[in-house]
Amino acid sequence: MVQNLISNTSEYSIDSNRIEHSCPNCGHHELAVFYEVRDVPVHSCLMMSSQQQAVDFPCGDVVLGFCDRCGFITNTEFDPKWSAYAPNYEDQQSYSPTFNKFSLKLANHLIDKYDLHNKDIIEIGCSKGDFLLLLCELGNNRGVGIDPSVVPGRVESEAADRVTFIQDYYSEKHSEYVGDFICCRHTLEHIQPTSEFIKTVRKSIGDRDTVVVFEIPDNTRVLKEQAFEDIYYEHCSYFSPGTLARLFRDSGFEVTDLYCDYGDQYLLIEAKPVAMPSEKVHLFEESVENVAQDVELFKEKIAGKLDYWKKYLEDAQAKQEKVVVWGSGSKCVAFLTTLKTVDKIEYAVDINPHRHGKYIPGVGKEIMSPEFLKSYQPDKVIVMNAIYTEEISQMLNNMGVTTEVVAL
C-alpha cells in the first residue's frame, strides 16, 4: 500500500525522512524517501504460462529515494537478484503503427546526423532487435545486439545476415564490441549501478570517437503528472534531463544533445567521449532544485491521483460494467498493483501476439487479443498509454466495438 510518507500538506519537507543509502549516480550517502509501494511484482514483462504461476510470482517493494546532491531518484529496496531477463521477457512494441512511426523517425534522424552508412553499430539492451535491424537496413550497416532477452530470428529483416545477437547482459567482457556508434534504449532505467555502467561503456570506447545515444523514460513527466503507472520494481533508476547529463559528464562524455520525444515520455541523450572532463551544460538541463520542486509536487498530489483511479474502478464495478485494460505490460502491472484493484478488471488486451494466452505476473489476468473484444463488448477500455488512444480507438471502431475509451 502507499504509505503515510505521502503527504497532502506543504509542511512535509524533503529532509524529513532521510536514510543512509548511496546514490548510484554520484555516491552521496543520504537519500530522502518520498514514495513507497509495497508488495509489487519484481517483474512486469516476464510472461507466465499459467494463472497460478502468475499469482505466485515473487514480489518486492518500491521505496523511492531522492538525492539532493545530483537529483537522481532510485528504488532503495531494489534487489538485483530479481534481474532475471530472459527470452520470455516480452516488451516488444513494434506491433504498434504509432511506435513504428516514431522508431523510423528516430532511426532516420540518427543515420542522417551521424552518417551511419556502412558502419558498425552496437546496441546495448536490444530487446528483440527491432531497432538495431532497422538501423542496419536503412544505412546498410552491420550490427551487434546484446540482450539476455533477445530471440534471434524473431524479427525478419533483409539485414539479418549483417547482425549478430548475443544473449547476455552487457559488461566489461563485451568491451570489444564498440564500433562506430553505440545506442541503448530503455535499458539504463533497469540498472541500479548507473555510474558504474556508463563508465564501463566509456572505458570500452577508449580513445575512439564513437558516439553514444541513450533513450530512457523522462522522470520529469512522471513527477509532474504523478504517473504512478510508470513506477514499478524493475525500473530502479529515474532520470531527469539534468541528472542524466551530469552522469554522462562525470563518466567522461560531452553531452551534444538532450531532448524529449514521443509525447515527452522519452528522454534522449546524445554524447561523445572526451579526454578531459566537459564543462558544457545543455540548455535542456534543469537544476537539482528543480527536481526537488517536482518531487514536492508529486508528494502533494499523488494521493489524490491514486484515490481518483481507485474510485473510478470501484464505481465501474458497482455498476457491473465490464472494464478492460488495453496494454498488458509494465504500466498495466503498476496501475493495478499500486491501486490494489486487480479484482476490478477481468481482462487485459494487447496487440503483441507473443503475449496472447499468457498471464500477467503478480496480476494473474489472461492477456487477450484485441479481437476478443468483438464478443466481450466492454463498457470501458482504459488505455495504459495515452499516446496510443487514437490508434486503439480506430481499431475498436474497425472491429465494431462501441465503448468508452479512457486514457491514463
Protein backbone atom coordinates (compact mmCIF):
# COMPACT_ATOMS: atom_id res chain seq x y z
CA MET A 1 0.00 0.00 0.00
CA VAL A 2 1.02 3.63 -0.35
CA GLN A 3 2.47 4.64 2.96
CA ASN A 4 1.98 7.74 5.10
CA LEU A 5 5.19 9.21 3.74
CA ILE A 6 2.95 10.72 1.06
CA SER A 7 1.58 13.96 2.39
CA ASN A 8 -1.10 16.31 1.15
CA THR A 9 0.32 19.22 3.09
CA SER A 10 3.17 21.54 2.25
CA GLU A 11 4.53 21.01 5.78
CA TYR A 12 6.22 17.80 4.67
CA SER A 13 9.87 18.53 3.94
CA ILE A 14 12.05 16.51 1.64
CA ASP A 15 14.55 16.38 4.51
CA SER A 16 12.12 14.70 6.92
CA ASN A 17 12.78 11.07 6.02
CA ARG A 18 16.44 10.67 5.19
CA ILE A 19 18.04 7.25 5.05
CA GLU A 20 21.61 6.06 4.68
CA HIS A 21 21.84 4.83 1.11
CA SER A 22 24.46 5.56 -1.52
CA CYS A 23 23.31 7.35 -4.66
CA PRO A 24 24.22 5.14 -7.66
CA ASN A 25 24.85 8.28 -9.75
CA CYS A 26 27.11 10.41 -7.56
CA GLY A 27 27.92 8.32 -4.48
CA HIS A 28 26.25 10.67 -1.95
CA HIS A 29 25.43 8.65 1.17
CA GLU A 30 22.00 10.07 2.04
CA LEU A 31 18.70 9.89 0.19
CA ALA A 32 15.28 11.31 1.05
CA VAL A 33 12.45 8.78 0.72
CA PHE A 34 9.28 10.26 -0.74
CA TYR A 35 7.16 7.41 -2.15
CA GLU A 36 6.54 3.80 -1.21
CA VAL A 37 4.55 0.99 -2.78
CA ARG A 38 4.78 -2.35 -1.04
CA ASP A 39 4.38 -5.88 -2.34
CA VAL A 40 4.53 -5.43 -6.11
CA PRO A 41 5.79 -7.98 -8.66
CA VAL A 42 9.53 -7.88 -9.20
CA HIS A 43 8.99 -8.20 -12.97
CA SER A 44 6.20 -6.91 -15.17
CA CYS A 45 7.01 -8.39 -18.58
CA LEU A 46 8.04 -11.96 -17.87
CA MET A 47 5.21 -13.95 -19.44
CA MET A 48 3.67 -16.65 -17.25
CA SER A 49 2.15 -19.76 -18.82
CA SER A 50 -0.43 -20.36 -16.07
CA GLN A 51 -2.58 -18.23 -13.84
CA GLN A 52 -1.24 -19.87 -10.69
CA GLN A 53 2.33 -19.21 -11.76
CA ALA A 54 1.42 -15.55 -12.30
CA VAL A 55 -0.38 -15.19 -8.95
CA ASP A 56 2.54 -16.81 -7.09
CA PHE A 57 5.11 -14.54 -8.76
CA PRO A 58 7.70 -13.03 -6.33
CA CYS A 59 7.02 -9.55 -5.01
CA GLY A 60 9.19 -6.77 -3.66
CA ASP A 61 8.95 -3.14 -2.54
CA VAL A 62 9.38 0.18 -4.28
CA VAL A 63 10.84 2.85 -1.99
CA LEU A 64 11.93 5.87 -3.99
CA GLY A 65 14.80 7.93 -2.62
CA PHE A 66 15.85 11.36 -3.91
CA CYS A 67 19.47 12.53 -3.92
CA ASP A 68 19.64 16.26 -3.17
CA ARG A 69 23.24 16.41 -4.39
CA CYS A 70 22.67 15.32 -8.03
CA GLY A 71 18.87 15.00 -8.35
CA PHE A 72 18.85 11.26 -9.07
CA ILE A 73 15.99 9.04 -7.88
CA THR A 74 16.36 5.33 -7.17
CA ASN A 75 14.43 2.44 -5.64
CA THR A 76 16.31 1.95 -2.39
CA GLU A 77 14.76 -1.52 -1.92
CA PHE A 78 15.79 -2.83 -5.34
CA ASP A 79 17.49 -6.23 -5.24
CA PRO A 80 19.49 -7.13 -8.39
CA LYS A 81 18.90 -10.83 -7.77
CA TRP A 82 15.50 -10.39 -9.41
CA SER A 83 17.02 -9.08 -12.67
CA ALA A 84 16.13 -12.31 -14.46
CA TYR A 85 15.68 -11.08 -18.02
CA ALA A 86 15.21 -13.97 -20.41
CA PRO A 87 13.59 -14.78 -23.78
CA ASN A 88 10.15 -14.85 -22.08
CA TYR A 89 10.66 -11.19 -21.16
CA GLU A 90 8.21 -9.69 -23.64
CA ASP A 91 8.49 -5.94 -24.17
CA GLN A 92 8.40 -5.73 -27.95
CA GLN A 93 6.45 -2.65 -29.09
CA SER A 94 6.85 -2.90 -32.84
CA TYR A 95 3.33 -4.24 -33.40
CA SER A 96 2.08 -0.68 -32.96
CA PRO A 97 1.99 1.60 -36.04
CA THR A 98 2.33 4.60 -33.72
CA PHE A 99 5.50 3.23 -32.16
CA ASN A 100 6.93 2.15 -35.51
CA LYS A 101 6.44 5.65 -36.89
CA PHE A 102 8.49 7.03 -34.00
CA SER A 103 11.20 4.39 -34.38
CA LEU A 104 11.53 5.12 -38.10
CA LYS A 105 11.79 8.86 -37.44
CA LEU A 106 14.45 8.32 -34.78
CA ALA A 107 16.44 5.90 -36.93
CA ASN A 108 16.48 8.32 -39.87
CA HIS A 109 17.47 11.18 -37.58
CA LEU A 110 20.46 9.27 -36.19
CA ILE A 111 21.53 7.93 -39.60
CA ASP A 112 21.43 11.39 -41.14
CA LYS A 113 23.05 13.20 -38.21
CA TYR A 114 25.92 10.74 -37.70
CA ASP A 115 26.28 9.48 -41.27
CA LEU A 116 25.52 5.90 -40.25
CA HIS A 117 26.15 4.28 -43.60
CA ASN A 118 28.23 1.11 -43.90
CA LYS A 119 29.16 1.47 -40.23
CA ASP A 120 29.39 -0.88 -37.25
CA ILE A 121 26.60 -0.33 -34.74
CA ILE A 122 26.28 -1.75 -31.22
CA GLU A 123 23.00 -1.81 -29.32
CA ILE A 124 23.13 -2.49 -25.60
CA GLY A 125 19.80 -3.90 -24.44
CA CYS A 126 18.45 -4.53 -27.93
CA SER A 127 15.30 -6.38 -26.78
CA LYS A 128 14.14 -8.46 -29.75
CA GLY A 129 16.35 -6.49 -32.16
CA ASP A 130 13.80 -4.33 -34.00
CA PHE A 131 15.65 -1.01 -33.80
CA LEU A 132 19.11 -2.37 -34.49
CA LEU A 133 17.87 -4.19 -37.57
CA LEU A 134 16.12 -1.01 -38.72
CA LEU A 135 19.36 0.99 -38.42
CA CYS A 136 21.20 -1.68 -40.36
CA GLU A 137 18.52 -1.86 -43.06
CA LEU A 138 18.30 1.89 -43.64
CA GLY A 139 22.04 2.58 -43.60
CA ASN A 140 23.41 -0.72 -44.89
CA ASN A 141 25.16 -1.05 -41.54
CA ARG A 142 26.49 -4.01 -39.59
CA GLY A 143 25.29 -4.61 -36.04
CA VAL A 144 25.83 -6.40 -32.74
CA GLY A 145 22.93 -6.57 -30.29
CA ILE A 146 23.47 -7.57 -26.65
CA ASP A 147 20.47 -8.53 -24.51
CA PRO A 148 19.58 -11.56 -22.35
CA SER A 149 16.01 -11.49 -23.69
CA VAL A 150 16.86 -11.36 -27.40
CA VAL A 151 15.36 -14.06 -29.61
CA PRO A 152 17.49 -14.32 -32.77
CA GLY A 153 15.29 -14.67 -35.81
CA ARG A 154 12.18 -13.22 -34.15
CA VAL A 155 12.28 -10.12 -36.36
CA GLU A 156 12.53 -10.71 -40.09
CA SER A 157 14.90 -8.34 -41.86
CA GLU A 158 16.97 -8.12 -45.00
CA ALA A 159 19.83 -7.02 -42.71
CA ALA A 160 19.64 -10.19 -40.58
CA ASP A 161 22.86 -11.63 -42.04
CA ARG A 162 24.74 -8.46 -41.04
CA VAL A 163 23.60 -8.52 -37.40
CA THR A 164 24.89 -10.70 -34.58
CA PHE A 165 22.86 -11.14 -31.41
CA ILE A 166 24.44 -12.03 -28.08
CA GLN A 167 22.04 -13.40 -25.45
CA ASP A 168 23.73 -11.90 -22.39
CA TYR A 169 23.92 -8.91 -20.05
CA TYR A 170 26.28 -6.19 -21.19
CA SER A 171 29.50 -6.00 -19.16
CA GLU A 172 33.24 -5.38 -19.48
CA LYS A 173 33.63 -8.70 -21.26
CA HIS A 174 31.78 -7.17 -24.22
CA SER A 175 34.13 -4.19 -24.44
CA GLU A 176 35.44 -5.46 -27.77
CA TYR A 177 32.08 -4.53 -29.29
CA VAL A 178 32.37 -0.77 -29.77
CA GLY A 179 32.01 0.04 -33.44
CA ASP A 180 31.23 3.50 -34.81
CA PHE A 181 28.02 4.06 -32.89
CA ILE A 182 26.53 2.74 -29.63
CA CYS A 183 22.84 3.00 -28.79
CA CYS A 184 20.98 1.87 -25.71
CA ARG A 185 17.21 2.26 -25.47
CA HIS A 186 15.12 1.65 -22.34
CA THR A 187 17.80 -0.29 -20.51
CA LEU A 188 19.56 2.17 -18.20
CA GLU A 189 16.43 2.59 -16.05
CA HIS A 190 16.66 -1.15 -15.26
CA ILE A 191 20.24 -0.82 -13.95
CA GLN A 192 20.94 0.45 -10.44
CA PRO A 193 24.76 0.93 -10.55
CA THR A 194 24.28 3.65 -13.17
CA SER A 195 27.64 5.37 -12.80
CA GLU A 196 29.49 2.07 -12.96
CA PHE A 197 27.55 1.08 -16.09
CA ILE A 198 28.17 4.31 -18.03
CA LYS A 199 31.84 4.28 -17.04
CA THR A 200 32.06 0.71 -18.40
CA VAL A 201 30.70 1.93 -21.73
CA ARG A 202 33.13 4.86 -21.71
CA LYS A 203 36.10 2.59 -20.90
CA SER A 204 35.21 0.30 -23.80
CA ILE A 205 35.38 3.24 -26.23
CA GLY A 206 38.87 4.29 -25.18
CA ASP A 207 40.31 6.98 -27.46
CA ARG A 208 37.90 6.31 -30.32
CA ASP A 209 35.29 8.84 -31.46
CA THR A 210 32.31 6.52 -31.01
CA VAL A 211 29.04 8.42 -30.48
CA VAL A 212 26.56 7.08 -27.90
CA VAL A 213 22.81 7.61 -27.77
CA PHE A 214 20.70 6.54 -24.78
CA GLU A 215 16.90 6.65 -24.51
CA ILE A 216 15.03 6.26 -21.22
CA PRO A 217 11.72 7.36 -19.65
CA ASP A 218 11.67 11.00 -18.62
CA ASN A 219 11.13 11.21 -14.88
CA THR A 220 10.18 14.89 -15.01
CA ARG A 221 6.87 13.94 -16.63
CA VAL A 222 6.35 11.12 -14.11
CA LEU A 223 6.72 13.55 -11.20
CA LYS A 224 4.75 16.45 -12.69
CA GLU A 225 1.84 14.24 -13.83
CA GLN A 226 2.04 11.79 -10.90
CA ALA A 227 2.32 8.99 -13.46
CA PHE A 228 2.38 6.20 -10.88
CA GLU A 229 1.84 3.65 -13.66
CA ASP A 230 5.43 4.35 -14.73
CA ILE A 231 6.84 3.44 -11.31
CA TYR A 232 7.47 -0.27 -10.89
CA TYR A 233 10.04 -2.61 -9.43
CA GLU A 234 12.36 -3.24 -12.36
CA HIS A 235 12.59 0.50 -13.03
CA CYS A 236 15.11 1.11 -10.27
CA SER A 237 16.63 4.29 -11.77
CA TYR A 238 14.77 7.52 -12.61
CA PHE A 239 16.36 10.29 -14.65
CA SER A 240 15.54 13.90 -15.44
CA PRO A 241 17.46 15.67 -18.23
CA GLY A 242 19.89 17.23 -15.76
CA THR A 243 20.59 14.08 -13.76
CA LEU A 244 21.24 12.15 -16.96
CA ALA A 245 23.53 14.80 -18.40
CA ARG A 246 25.50 15.12 -15.17
CA LEU A 247 26.01 11.36 -15.09
CA PHE A 248 27.40 11.31 -18.62
CA ARG A 249 29.73 14.28 -17.97
CA ASP A 250 31.03 12.64 -14.81
CA SER A 251 31.67 9.47 -16.81
CA GLY A 252 33.87 11.04 -19.48
CA PHE A 253 31.39 12.25 -22.09
CA GLU A 254 30.37 15.58 -23.53
CA VAL A 255 26.61 15.97 -23.99
CA THR A 256 25.98 17.01 -27.59
CA ASP A 257 22.18 16.89 -27.46
CA LEU A 258 19.45 16.33 -24.90
CA TYR A 259 15.72 16.29 -25.63
CA CYS A 260 12.36 14.61 -25.09
CA ASP A 261 10.24 12.86 -27.69
CA TYR A 262 7.28 10.50 -28.04
CA GLY A 263 4.78 12.72 -26.31
CA ASP A 264 7.53 13.88 -23.96
CA GLN A 265 7.62 10.39 -22.45
CA TYR A 266 11.12 9.52 -23.65
CA LEU A 267 14.32 11.32 -22.73
CA LEU A 268 17.20 11.03 -25.18
CA ILE A 269 20.84 11.95 -24.74
CA GLU A 270 23.47 12.08 -27.47
CA ALA A 271 27.07 12.23 -26.28
CA LYS A 272 30.65 11.83 -27.42
CA PRO A 273 33.71 10.68 -25.45
CA VAL A 274 36.20 13.31 -24.32
CA ALA A 275 39.65 13.05 -22.79
CA MET A 276 39.13 15.87 -20.28
CA PRO A 277 36.01 16.49 -18.14
CA SER A 278 33.42 18.52 -20.01
CA GLU A 279 32.05 21.75 -18.55
CA LYS A 280 29.43 22.14 -21.28
CA VAL A 281 25.90 22.31 -19.85
CA HIS A 282 22.98 21.74 -22.20
CA LEU A 283 20.14 24.28 -22.23
CA PHE A 284 17.58 21.49 -21.61
CA GLU A 285 19.09 20.59 -18.25
CA GLU A 286 17.29 21.54 -15.07
CA SER A 287 18.87 22.09 -11.65
CA VAL A 288 18.74 19.79 -8.64
CA GLU A 289 16.45 22.36 -7.04
CA ASN A 290 14.03 21.99 -9.95
CA VAL A 291 13.89 18.24 -9.40
CA ALA A 292 13.28 18.79 -5.68
CA GLN A 293 10.31 21.00 -6.56
CA ASP A 294 8.93 18.29 -8.83
CA VAL A 295 9.32 15.75 -6.02
CA GLU A 296 7.36 18.04 -3.69
CA LEU A 297 4.62 18.40 -6.31
CA PHE A 298 4.45 14.63 -6.67
CA LYS A 299 4.12 14.18 -2.90
CA GLU A 300 1.41 16.80 -2.73
CA LYS A 301 -0.78 15.32 -5.47
CA ILE A 302 -0.11 11.59 -5.70
CA ALA A 303 -2.65 10.54 -3.07
CA GLY A 304 -5.41 12.36 -4.95
CA LYS A 305 -4.40 10.73 -8.23
CA LEU A 306 -4.46 7.26 -6.69
CA ASP A 307 -7.81 7.89 -4.99
CA TYR A 308 -9.33 9.07 -8.27
CA TRP A 309 -8.48 5.89 -10.16
CA LYS A 310 -9.34 3.62 -7.29
CA LYS A 311 -12.80 5.19 -7.06
CA TYR A 312 -13.16 5.06 -10.85
CA LEU A 313 -12.69 1.29 -10.86
CA GLU A 314 -14.84 0.76 -7.77
CA ASP A 315 -17.71 2.76 -9.30
CA ALA A 316 -17.49 0.77 -12.54
CA GLN A 317 -17.61 -2.48 -10.60
CA ALA A 318 -20.60 -1.28 -8.57
CA LYS A 319 -22.41 -0.57 -11.85
CA GLN A 320 -21.44 -4.05 -13.09
CA GLU A 321 -19.59 -2.51 -16.02
CA LYS A 322 -17.10 -4.60 -17.94
CA VAL A 323 -13.74 -2.85 -17.77
CA VAL A 324 -10.75 -3.85 -19.88
CA VAL A 325 -7.20 -2.59 -19.68
CA TRP A 326 -5.51 -2.10 -23.06
CA GLY A 327 -1.78 -2.69 -22.74
CA SER A 328 -0.67 -5.62 -20.59
CA GLY A 329 2.89 -4.52 -19.89
CA SER A 330 4.57 -2.67 -17.04
CA LYS A 331 2.10 0.21 -16.92
CA CYS A 332 -0.77 -2.23 -16.51
CA VAL A 333 1.00 -4.11 -13.72
CA ALA A 334 1.85 -0.88 -11.89
CA PHE A 335 -1.67 0.51 -12.41
CA LEU A 336 -3.43 -2.50 -10.90
CA THR A 337 -0.98 -3.48 -8.18
CA THR A 338 -0.35 0.05 -6.91
CA LEU A 339 -4.09 0.62 -6.59
CA LYS A 340 -4.65 -2.90 -5.20
CA THR A 341 -7.55 -3.23 -7.64
CA VAL A 342 -6.62 -6.38 -9.56
CA ASP A 343 -10.13 -7.70 -8.92
CA LYS A 344 -11.77 -4.70 -10.61
CA ILE A 345 -10.99 -5.88 -14.16
CA GLU A 346 -11.38 -9.24 -15.84
CA TYR A 347 -9.13 -8.94 -18.86
CA ALA A 348 -6.14 -7.14 -20.31
CA VAL A 349 -5.75 -6.73 -24.06
CA ASP A 350 -2.54 -6.41 -26.04
CA ILE A 351 -1.65 -6.25 -29.74
CA ASN A 352 1.58 -8.21 -29.23
CA PRO A 353 0.70 -11.77 -30.35
CA HIS A 354 3.52 -13.23 -28.24
CA ARG A 355 1.60 -12.16 -25.14
CA HIS A 356 -1.73 -13.73 -26.06
CA GLY A 357 -2.78 -16.59 -23.82
CA LYS A 358 -0.11 -15.73 -21.27
CA TYR A 359 -0.72 -14.41 -17.76
CA ILE A 360 0.45 -11.16 -16.19
CA PRO A 361 2.95 -11.63 -13.32
CA GLY A 362 1.56 -10.59 -9.96
CA VAL A 363 -1.83 -9.84 -11.53
CA GLY A 364 -2.89 -13.22 -12.82
CA LYS A 365 -5.10 -11.94 -15.64
CA GLU A 366 -5.01 -13.68 -19.01
CA ILE A 367 -3.83 -11.48 -21.86
CA MET A 368 -6.29 -11.41 -24.73
CA SER A 369 -6.01 -10.32 -28.33
CA PRO A 370 -7.94 -7.22 -29.47
CA GLU A 371 -10.32 -9.49 -31.45
CA PHE A 372 -11.59 -10.86 -28.15
CA LEU A 373 -13.40 -7.57 -27.61
CA LYS A 374 -15.74 -8.26 -30.54
CA SER A 375 -17.56 -10.82 -28.44
CA TYR A 376 -16.81 -9.38 -24.99
CA GLN A 377 -18.09 -5.87 -25.84
CA PRO A 378 -16.63 -4.00 -22.84
CA ASP A 379 -18.26 -0.92 -21.32
CA LYS A 380 -14.91 0.78 -20.73
CA VAL A 381 -11.43 0.42 -22.17
CA ILE A 382 -8.66 2.03 -20.12
CA VAL A 383 -5.66 2.81 -22.30
CA MET A 384 -2.44 2.49 -20.34
CA ASN A 385 -0.52 4.91 -22.58
CA ALA A 386 -2.40 7.92 -23.92
CA ILE A 387 -0.20 8.16 -27.00
CA TYR A 388 -1.96 5.08 -28.39
CA THR A 389 -5.52 6.34 -27.84
CA GLU A 390 -6.19 7.29 -31.46
CA GLU A 391 -4.70 4.03 -32.76
CA ILE A 392 -6.75 1.96 -30.31
CA SER A 393 -9.97 3.90 -30.94
CA GLN A 394 -9.59 3.23 -34.66
CA MET A 395 -9.03 -0.49 -34.05
CA LEU A 396 -12.12 -0.66 -31.84
CA ASN A 397 -14.17 1.15 -34.47
CA ASN A 398 -12.95 -1.22 -37.20
CA MET A 399 -13.97 -4.20 -35.07
CA GLY A 400 -17.43 -2.78 -34.40
CA VAL A 401 -16.78 -2.36 -30.68
CA THR A 402 -18.61 0.60 -29.18
CA THR A 403 -17.19 1.50 -25.79
CA GLU A 404 -15.92 4.35 -23.66
CA VAL A 405 -12.19 4.82 -24.21
CA VAL A 406 -10.35 6.41 -21.29
CA ALA A 407 -6.63 7.12 -21.21
CA LEU A 408 -4.45 7.40 -18.12
